[in-house]
Amino acid sequence: SGLAESARDKIASLVYLDALVPGFPGPAPPVGDTPPSRGDTIPINEAFARAIGIPPEDLWKYSPHPVNSFIEEFEFTGAHSLVSRKTFVWANQWPNRESTYRALREDPDWVTHEVAARHMLMFDAPNEVAEILESAI
């Protein structure tokens, strides 16, 4: 979204894989519950995973998360919403983005997909994600 704000004319399509979409409903990451960082990343340890709803058996799928994605502020002008092709993919076994999915599903400017997966769509539904990405080109 941030890049689309400044380079919209160079971007043909945006695809949000179960992600925050500026201007649409959905809970923000639990910044107050983030564990101490090491450098530029936050380790996804068991306590943090539990706080954001990652089942213990899925912890192996997650690498350390960039700290700035939780703390850096970014002002959106709305230019990102002018990209002509926008796709949102909701992982329906991860309820955090359900409200975003429902709002975007009603918006004619968006293509939406509901995938039976948890938040790590690339691991849980790789073939379906590949098909969605190819169709978004």
N, C-alpha and C. Protein backbone atom coordinates (compact mmCIF):
# COMPACT_ATOMS: atom_id res chain seq x y z
N SER A 1 0.82 -1.19 0.00
CA SER A 1 0.00 0.00 0.00
C SER A 1 0.86 1.25 0.00
N GLY A 2 1.92 1.22 0.81
CA GLY A 2 2.79 2.39 0.89
C GLY A 2 3.45 2.70 -0.43
N LEU A 3 3.96 1.69 -1.09
CA LEU A 3 4.60 1.90 -2.38
C LEU A 3 3.59 2.41 -3.41
N ALA A 4 2.39 1.88 -3.36
CA ALA A 4 1.36 2.32 -4.31
C ALA A 4 1.01 3.78 -4.11
N GLU A 5 1.21 4.30 -2.92
CA GLU A 5 0.96 5.72 -2.68
C GLU A 5 1.89 6.59 -3.52
N SER A 6 3.13 6.16 -3.68
CA SER A 6 4.09 7.01 -4.38
C SER A 6 4.40 6.56 -5.81
N ALA A 7 4.02 5.34 -6.17
CA ALA A 7 4.35 4.82 -7.51
C ALA A 7 3.16 4.16 -8.17
N ARG A 8 1.98 4.69 -7.92
CA ARG A 8 0.75 4.08 -8.42
C ARG A 8 0.77 3.85 -9.92
N ASP A 9 1.36 4.76 -10.66
CA ASP A 9 1.37 4.64 -12.12
C ASP A 9 2.25 3.50 -12.61
N LYS A 10 3.05 2.93 -11.73
CA LYS A 10 3.93 1.81 -12.10
C LYS A 10 3.41 0.47 -11.60
N ILE A 11 2.25 0.49 -10.95
CA ILE A 11 1.69 -0.73 -10.36
C ILE A 11 0.38 -1.06 -11.05
N ALA A 12 0.32 -2.27 -11.61
CA ALA A 12 -0.88 -2.69 -12.33
C ALA A 12 -1.89 -3.37 -11.43
N SER A 13 -1.43 -3.96 -10.33
CA SER A 13 -2.32 -4.76 -9.51
C SER A 13 -1.79 -4.84 -8.09
N LEU A 14 -2.70 -4.76 -7.11
CA LEU A 14 -2.36 -4.97 -5.71
C LEU A 14 -3.09 -6.22 -5.24
N VAL A 15 -2.38 -7.09 -4.52
CA VAL A 15 -2.99 -8.28 -3.95
C VAL A 15 -2.67 -8.29 -2.46
N TYR A 16 -3.71 -8.32 -1.65
CA TYR A 16 -3.56 -8.37 -0.20
C TYR A 16 -3.89 -9.79 0.25
N LEU A 17 -2.88 -10.51 0.72
CA LEU A 17 -3.08 -11.87 1.22
C LEU A 17 -3.37 -11.79 2.71
N ASP A 18 -4.65 -11.75 3.06
CA ASP A 18 -5.08 -11.72 4.45
C ASP A 18 -4.35 -10.61 5.21
N ALA A 19 -4.29 -9.43 4.62
CA ALA A 19 -3.48 -8.34 5.15
C ALA A 19 -4.32 -7.12 5.48
N LEU A 20 -3.71 -6.20 6.23
CA LEU A 20 -4.35 -4.92 6.51
C LEU A 20 -4.53 -4.14 5.21
N VAL A 21 -5.68 -3.54 5.04
CA VAL A 21 -5.95 -2.69 3.89
C VAL A 21 -6.31 -1.31 4.44
N PRO A 22 -5.49 -0.30 4.14
CA PRO A 22 -5.80 1.03 4.66
C PRO A 22 -7.20 1.48 4.30
N GLY A 23 -7.91 2.00 5.31
CA GLY A 23 -9.24 2.53 5.08
C GLY A 23 -10.37 1.53 5.20
N PHE A 24 -10.05 0.26 5.50
CA PHE A 24 -11.10 -0.75 5.65
C PHE A 24 -11.02 -1.37 7.03
N PRO A 25 -12.14 -1.90 7.51
CA PRO A 25 -12.17 -2.41 8.88
C PRO A 25 -11.27 -3.63 9.08
N GLY A 26 -10.89 -3.80 10.30
CA GLY A 26 -10.06 -4.95 10.67
C GLY A 26 -9.15 -4.56 11.81
N PRO A 27 -8.90 -5.49 12.71
CA PRO A 27 -8.07 -5.16 13.87
C PRO A 27 -6.61 -4.91 13.46
N ALA A 28 -6.00 -3.98 14.14
CA ALA A 28 -4.57 -3.73 13.95
C ALA A 28 -3.78 -4.77 14.73
N PRO A 29 -2.53 -4.97 14.38
CA PRO A 29 -1.70 -5.91 15.15
C PRO A 29 -1.63 -5.49 16.61
N PRO A 30 -1.50 -6.43 17.52
CA PRO A 30 -1.46 -6.12 18.95
C PRO A 30 -0.11 -5.55 19.35
N VAL A 31 0.13 -4.28 19.05
CA VAL A 31 1.43 -3.67 19.29
C VAL A 31 1.81 -3.75 20.76
N GLY A 32 0.87 -3.56 21.66
CA GLY A 32 1.18 -3.63 23.09
C GLY A 32 1.64 -5.00 23.53
N ASP A 33 1.33 -6.02 22.77
CA ASP A 33 1.69 -7.39 23.15
C ASP A 33 2.94 -7.89 22.44
N THR A 34 3.60 -7.00 21.69
CA THR A 34 4.77 -7.47 20.95
C THR A 34 5.91 -7.75 21.89
N PRO A 35 6.63 -8.84 21.66
CA PRO A 35 7.77 -9.16 22.51
C PRO A 35 8.93 -8.23 22.20
N PRO A 36 9.92 -8.19 23.07
CA PRO A 36 11.08 -7.34 22.79
C PRO A 36 11.70 -7.71 21.45
N SER A 37 12.19 -6.70 20.75
CA SER A 37 12.78 -6.96 19.45
C SER A 37 14.28 -7.18 19.56
N ARG A 38 14.81 -7.81 18.54
CA ARG A 38 16.25 -7.96 18.37
C ARG A 38 16.59 -7.30 17.06
N GLY A 39 17.10 -6.08 17.14
CA GLY A 39 17.43 -5.39 15.90
C GLY A 39 16.20 -4.95 15.15
N ASP A 40 16.11 -5.39 13.90
CA ASP A 40 15.03 -4.95 13.03
C ASP A 40 13.82 -5.86 13.01
N THR A 41 13.85 -6.96 13.78
CA THR A 41 12.75 -7.92 13.74
C THR A 41 12.26 -8.28 15.14
N ILE A 42 11.04 -8.79 15.17
CA ILE A 42 10.43 -9.31 16.39
C ILE A 42 10.34 -10.82 16.23
N PRO A 43 10.93 -11.57 17.15
CA PRO A 43 10.80 -13.03 17.04
C PRO A 43 9.35 -13.44 17.31
N ILE A 44 8.88 -14.41 16.58
CA ILE A 44 7.53 -14.92 16.80
C ILE A 44 7.66 -16.08 17.79
N ASN A 45 7.69 -15.73 19.07
CA ASN A 45 7.80 -16.77 20.10
C ASN A 45 6.41 -17.24 20.50
N GLU A 46 6.34 -18.22 21.37
CA GLU A 46 5.03 -18.81 21.72
C GLU A 46 4.08 -17.80 22.34
N ALA A 47 4.57 -16.92 23.21
CA ALA A 47 3.68 -15.94 23.85
C ALA A 47 3.10 -14.97 22.82
N PHE A 48 3.94 -14.47 21.92
CA PHE A 48 3.47 -13.55 20.89
C PHE A 48 2.52 -14.26 19.94
N ALA A 49 2.86 -15.48 19.57
CA ALA A 49 2.00 -16.27 18.68
C ALA A 49 0.61 -16.44 19.29
N ARG A 50 0.58 -16.77 20.57
CA ARG A 50 -0.70 -16.95 21.26
C ARG A 50 -1.49 -15.63 21.25
N ALA A 51 -0.79 -14.49 21.46
CA ALA A 51 -1.45 -13.18 21.52
C ALA A 51 -2.10 -12.81 20.20
N ILE A 52 -1.54 -13.26 19.09
CA ILE A 52 -2.11 -12.89 17.80
C ILE A 52 -2.87 -14.04 17.14
N GLY A 53 -3.04 -15.14 17.87
CA GLY A 53 -3.90 -16.22 17.39
C GLY A 53 -3.23 -17.29 16.56
N ILE A 54 -1.91 -17.40 16.62
CA ILE A 54 -1.22 -18.46 15.87
C ILE A 54 -1.25 -19.74 16.71
N PRO A 55 -1.81 -20.82 16.19
CA PRO A 55 -1.80 -22.08 16.92
C PRO A 55 -0.36 -22.58 17.10
N PRO A 56 -0.05 -23.15 18.24
CA PRO A 56 1.32 -23.63 18.48
C PRO A 56 1.86 -24.53 17.37
N GLU A 57 0.98 -25.36 16.79
CA GLU A 57 1.44 -26.27 15.73
C GLU A 57 1.81 -25.54 14.44
N ASP A 58 1.44 -24.27 14.31
CA ASP A 58 1.78 -23.49 13.12
C ASP A 58 2.97 -22.57 13.31
N LEU A 59 3.53 -22.54 14.50
CA LEU A 59 4.61 -21.61 14.80
C LEU A 59 5.80 -21.76 13.85
N TRP A 60 6.05 -22.96 13.38
CA TRP A 60 7.19 -23.20 12.48
C TRP A 60 7.09 -22.42 11.17
N LYS A 61 5.89 -22.00 10.80
CA LYS A 61 5.68 -21.31 9.53
C LYS A 61 6.12 -19.84 9.57
N TYR A 62 6.34 -19.30 10.74
CA TYR A 62 6.54 -17.87 10.90
C TYR A 62 8.00 -17.52 11.18
N SER A 63 8.51 -16.58 10.39
CA SER A 63 9.86 -16.08 10.62
C SER A 63 9.74 -14.78 11.42
N PRO A 64 10.85 -14.28 11.95
CA PRO A 64 10.78 -13.00 12.68
C PRO A 64 10.11 -11.92 11.82
N HIS A 65 9.36 -11.08 12.48
CA HIS A 65 8.55 -10.07 11.80
C HIS A 65 9.24 -8.71 11.86
N PRO A 66 9.24 -7.93 10.77
CA PRO A 66 9.86 -6.60 10.80
C PRO A 66 9.20 -5.70 11.85
N VAL A 67 10.01 -5.16 12.74
CA VAL A 67 9.53 -4.31 13.82
C VAL A 67 8.79 -3.09 13.28
N ASN A 68 9.32 -2.47 12.22
CA ASN A 68 8.71 -1.24 11.72
C ASN A 68 7.28 -1.42 11.24
N SER A 69 6.90 -2.62 10.86
CA SER A 69 5.51 -2.82 10.42
C SER A 69 4.53 -2.64 11.57
N PHE A 70 5.01 -2.73 12.80
CA PHE A 70 4.15 -2.52 13.96
C PHE A 70 4.22 -1.09 14.49
N ILE A 71 5.32 -0.41 14.30
CA ILE A 71 5.51 0.88 14.98
C ILE A 71 5.64 2.08 14.05
N GLU A 72 6.00 1.86 12.79
CA GLU A 72 6.20 2.99 11.89
C GLU A 72 4.86 3.52 11.40
N GLU A 73 4.69 4.83 11.51
CA GLU A 73 3.46 5.45 11.03
C GLU A 73 3.63 5.83 9.57
N PHE A 74 2.53 5.75 8.84
CA PHE A 74 2.55 6.06 7.41
C PHE A 74 1.25 6.75 7.10
N GLU A 75 1.33 7.87 6.41
CA GLU A 75 0.12 8.60 6.06
C GLU A 75 -0.35 8.18 4.66
N PHE A 76 -1.57 7.70 4.59
CA PHE A 76 -2.14 7.30 3.31
C PHE A 76 -3.02 8.41 2.77
N THR A 77 -2.77 8.78 1.53
CA THR A 77 -3.54 9.84 0.88
C THR A 77 -4.73 9.27 0.13
N GLY A 78 -4.73 7.97 -0.08
CA GLY A 78 -5.78 7.34 -0.87
C GLY A 78 -5.31 7.00 -2.27
N ALA A 79 -4.10 7.41 -2.63
CA ALA A 79 -3.58 7.13 -3.97
C ALA A 79 -3.49 5.62 -4.22
N HIS A 80 -3.21 4.85 -3.17
CA HIS A 80 -3.12 3.39 -3.34
C HIS A 80 -4.45 2.81 -3.82
N SER A 81 -5.54 3.44 -3.44
CA SER A 81 -6.86 2.91 -3.83
C SER A 81 -7.18 3.17 -5.31
N LEU A 82 -6.35 3.96 -5.97
CA LEU A 82 -6.58 4.25 -7.39
C LEU A 82 -5.92 3.24 -8.31
N VAL A 83 -5.16 2.29 -7.75
CA VAL A 83 -4.63 1.21 -8.58
C VAL A 83 -5.82 0.47 -9.16
N SER A 84 -5.81 0.21 -10.45
CA SER A 84 -7.02 -0.29 -11.12
C SER A 84 -7.42 -1.71 -10.72
N ARG A 85 -6.48 -2.57 -10.44
CA ARG A 85 -6.83 -3.96 -10.07
C ARG A 85 -6.42 -4.20 -8.63
N LYS A 86 -7.42 -4.51 -7.81
CA LYS A 86 -7.18 -4.75 -6.39
C LYS A 86 -7.85 -6.06 -5.99
N THR A 87 -7.08 -6.90 -5.31
CA THR A 87 -7.57 -8.21 -4.90
C THR A 87 -7.31 -8.39 -3.41
N PHE A 88 -8.31 -8.92 -2.72
CA PHE A 88 -8.15 -9.25 -1.30
C PHE A 88 -8.45 -10.73 -1.11
N VAL A 89 -7.58 -11.42 -0.39
CA VAL A 89 -7.76 -12.84 -0.12
C VAL A 89 -7.88 -13.01 1.39
N TRP A 90 -9.01 -13.57 1.82
CA TRP A 90 -9.23 -13.80 3.25
C TRP A 90 -8.99 -15.26 3.56
N ALA A 91 -8.13 -15.51 4.54
CA ALA A 91 -7.91 -16.85 5.07
C ALA A 91 -8.98 -17.06 6.14
N ASN A 92 -10.02 -17.82 5.81
CA ASN A 92 -11.20 -17.87 6.68
C ASN A 92 -11.03 -18.68 7.97
N GLN A 93 -9.88 -19.29 8.17
CA GLN A 93 -9.61 -19.95 9.45
C GLN A 93 -8.81 -19.03 10.37
N TRP A 94 -8.71 -17.78 9.96
CA TRP A 94 -8.02 -16.73 10.72
C TRP A 94 -8.98 -15.54 10.72
N PRO A 95 -9.79 -15.38 11.76
CA PRO A 95 -10.90 -14.42 11.71
C PRO A 95 -10.51 -12.95 11.71
N ASN A 96 -9.24 -12.62 11.92
CA ASN A 96 -8.85 -11.21 12.06
C ASN A 96 -9.23 -10.33 10.88
N ARG A 97 -9.31 -10.83 9.69
CA ARG A 97 -9.59 -10.01 8.51
C ARG A 97 -10.99 -10.24 7.92
N GLU A 98 -11.84 -10.90 8.67
CA GLU A 98 -13.19 -11.17 8.16
C GLU A 98 -13.95 -9.88 7.85
N SER A 99 -13.86 -8.89 8.72
CA SER A 99 -14.59 -7.65 8.48
C SER A 99 -14.06 -6.93 7.24
N THR A 100 -12.77 -7.00 7.00
CA THR A 100 -12.20 -6.41 5.78
C THR A 100 -12.75 -7.14 4.56
N TYR A 101 -12.75 -8.46 4.60
CA TYR A 101 -13.26 -9.26 3.49
C TYR A 101 -14.71 -8.92 3.19
N ARG A 102 -15.53 -8.85 4.23
CA ARG A 102 -16.96 -8.58 4.02
C ARG A 102 -17.18 -7.18 3.42
N ALA A 103 -16.40 -6.20 3.86
CA ALA A 103 -16.54 -4.85 3.31
C ALA A 103 -16.08 -4.80 1.85
N LEU A 104 -14.96 -5.43 1.56
CA LEU A 104 -14.43 -5.39 0.19
C LEU A 104 -15.25 -6.23 -0.78
N ARG A 105 -15.87 -7.27 -0.28
CA ARG A 105 -16.71 -8.13 -1.12
C ARG A 105 -17.86 -7.33 -1.73
N GLU A 106 -18.30 -6.29 -1.04
CA GLU A 106 -19.39 -5.45 -1.51
C GLU A 106 -18.91 -4.30 -2.40
N ASP A 107 -17.61 -4.13 -2.51
CA ASP A 107 -17.04 -3.02 -3.27
C ASP A 107 -16.74 -3.48 -4.69
N PRO A 108 -17.36 -2.88 -5.71
CA PRO A 108 -17.16 -3.34 -7.09
C PRO A 108 -15.74 -3.12 -7.62
N ASP A 109 -14.94 -2.32 -6.93
CA ASP A 109 -13.56 -2.07 -7.36
C ASP A 109 -12.60 -3.18 -6.92
N TRP A 110 -13.09 -4.12 -6.15
CA TRP A 110 -12.24 -5.17 -5.60
C TRP A 110 -12.69 -6.55 -6.08
N VAL A 111 -11.72 -7.42 -6.25
CA VAL A 111 -11.97 -8.86 -6.44
C VAL A 111 -11.61 -9.49 -5.10
N THR A 112 -12.49 -10.33 -4.59
CA THR A 112 -12.22 -10.97 -3.31
C THR A 112 -12.27 -12.48 -3.44
N HIS A 113 -11.51 -13.12 -2.58
CA HIS A 113 -11.47 -14.57 -2.52
C HIS A 113 -11.49 -14.99 -1.05
N GLU A 114 -12.21 -16.04 -0.77
CA GLU A 114 -12.21 -16.66 0.56
C GLU A 114 -11.52 -18.01 0.40
N VAL A 115 -10.47 -18.23 1.19
CA VAL A 115 -9.69 -19.46 1.09
C VAL A 115 -9.74 -20.18 2.44
N ALA A 116 -9.98 -21.47 2.39
CA ALA A 116 -10.01 -22.29 3.62
C ALA A 116 -8.56 -22.52 4.06
N ALA A 117 -8.07 -21.59 4.88
CA ALA A 117 -6.69 -21.64 5.33
C ALA A 117 -6.54 -20.74 6.55
N ARG A 118 -5.39 -20.91 7.22
CA ARG A 118 -5.02 -19.97 8.27
C ARG A 118 -4.25 -18.84 7.61
N HIS A 119 -3.74 -17.94 8.42
CA HIS A 119 -3.11 -16.71 7.94
C HIS A 119 -1.95 -16.94 6.97
N MET A 120 -1.23 -18.01 7.12
CA MET A 120 -0.08 -18.27 6.24
C MET A 120 -0.56 -18.99 4.98
N LEU A 121 -1.26 -18.27 4.15
CA LEU A 121 -1.87 -18.82 2.95
C LEU A 121 -0.87 -19.54 2.05
N MET A 122 0.34 -19.04 1.96
CA MET A 122 1.33 -19.63 1.06
C MET A 122 1.68 -21.06 1.47
N PHE A 123 1.60 -21.35 2.78
CA PHE A 123 1.85 -22.70 3.28
C PHE A 123 0.60 -23.55 3.24
N ASP A 124 -0.53 -22.96 3.62
CA ASP A 124 -1.77 -23.72 3.78
C ASP A 124 -2.52 -23.98 2.47
N ALA A 125 -2.37 -23.09 1.50
CA ALA A 125 -3.10 -23.23 0.22
C ALA A 125 -2.25 -22.72 -0.93
N PRO A 126 -1.05 -23.29 -1.13
CA PRO A 126 -0.13 -22.74 -2.13
C PRO A 126 -0.68 -22.75 -3.56
N ASN A 127 -1.37 -23.80 -3.96
CA ASN A 127 -1.89 -23.85 -5.32
C ASN A 127 -2.98 -22.81 -5.55
N GLU A 128 -3.86 -22.67 -4.58
CA GLU A 128 -4.93 -21.69 -4.70
C GLU A 128 -4.37 -20.27 -4.72
N VAL A 129 -3.38 -20.01 -3.88
CA VAL A 129 -2.75 -18.68 -3.86
C VAL A 129 -2.08 -18.40 -5.21
N ALA A 130 -1.38 -19.39 -5.76
CA ALA A 130 -0.73 -19.22 -7.06
C ALA A 130 -1.76 -18.88 -8.15
N GLU A 131 -2.89 -19.57 -8.14
CA GLU A 131 -3.94 -19.29 -9.13
C GLU A 131 -4.49 -17.88 -8.97
N ILE A 132 -4.69 -17.46 -7.72
CA ILE A 132 -5.21 -16.10 -7.46
C ILE A 132 -4.20 -15.06 -7.94
N LEU A 133 -2.93 -15.28 -7.63
CA LEU A 133 -1.90 -14.32 -8.05
C LEU A 133 -1.82 -14.25 -9.57
N GLU A 134 -1.88 -15.38 -10.23
CA GLU A 134 -1.85 -15.38 -11.70
C GLU A 134 -3.05 -14.65 -12.29
N SER A 135 -4.21 -14.82 -11.67
CA SER A 135 -5.41 -14.17 -12.20
C SER A 135 -5.41 -12.66 -11.94
N ALA A 136 -4.56 -12.20 -11.01
CA ALA A 136 -4.51 -10.78 -10.67
C ALA A 136 -3.59 -9.98 -11.58
N ILE A 137 -2.90 -10.67 -12.44
CA ILE A 137 -1.94 -9.98 -13.33
C ILE A 137 -2.67 -9.22 -14.41
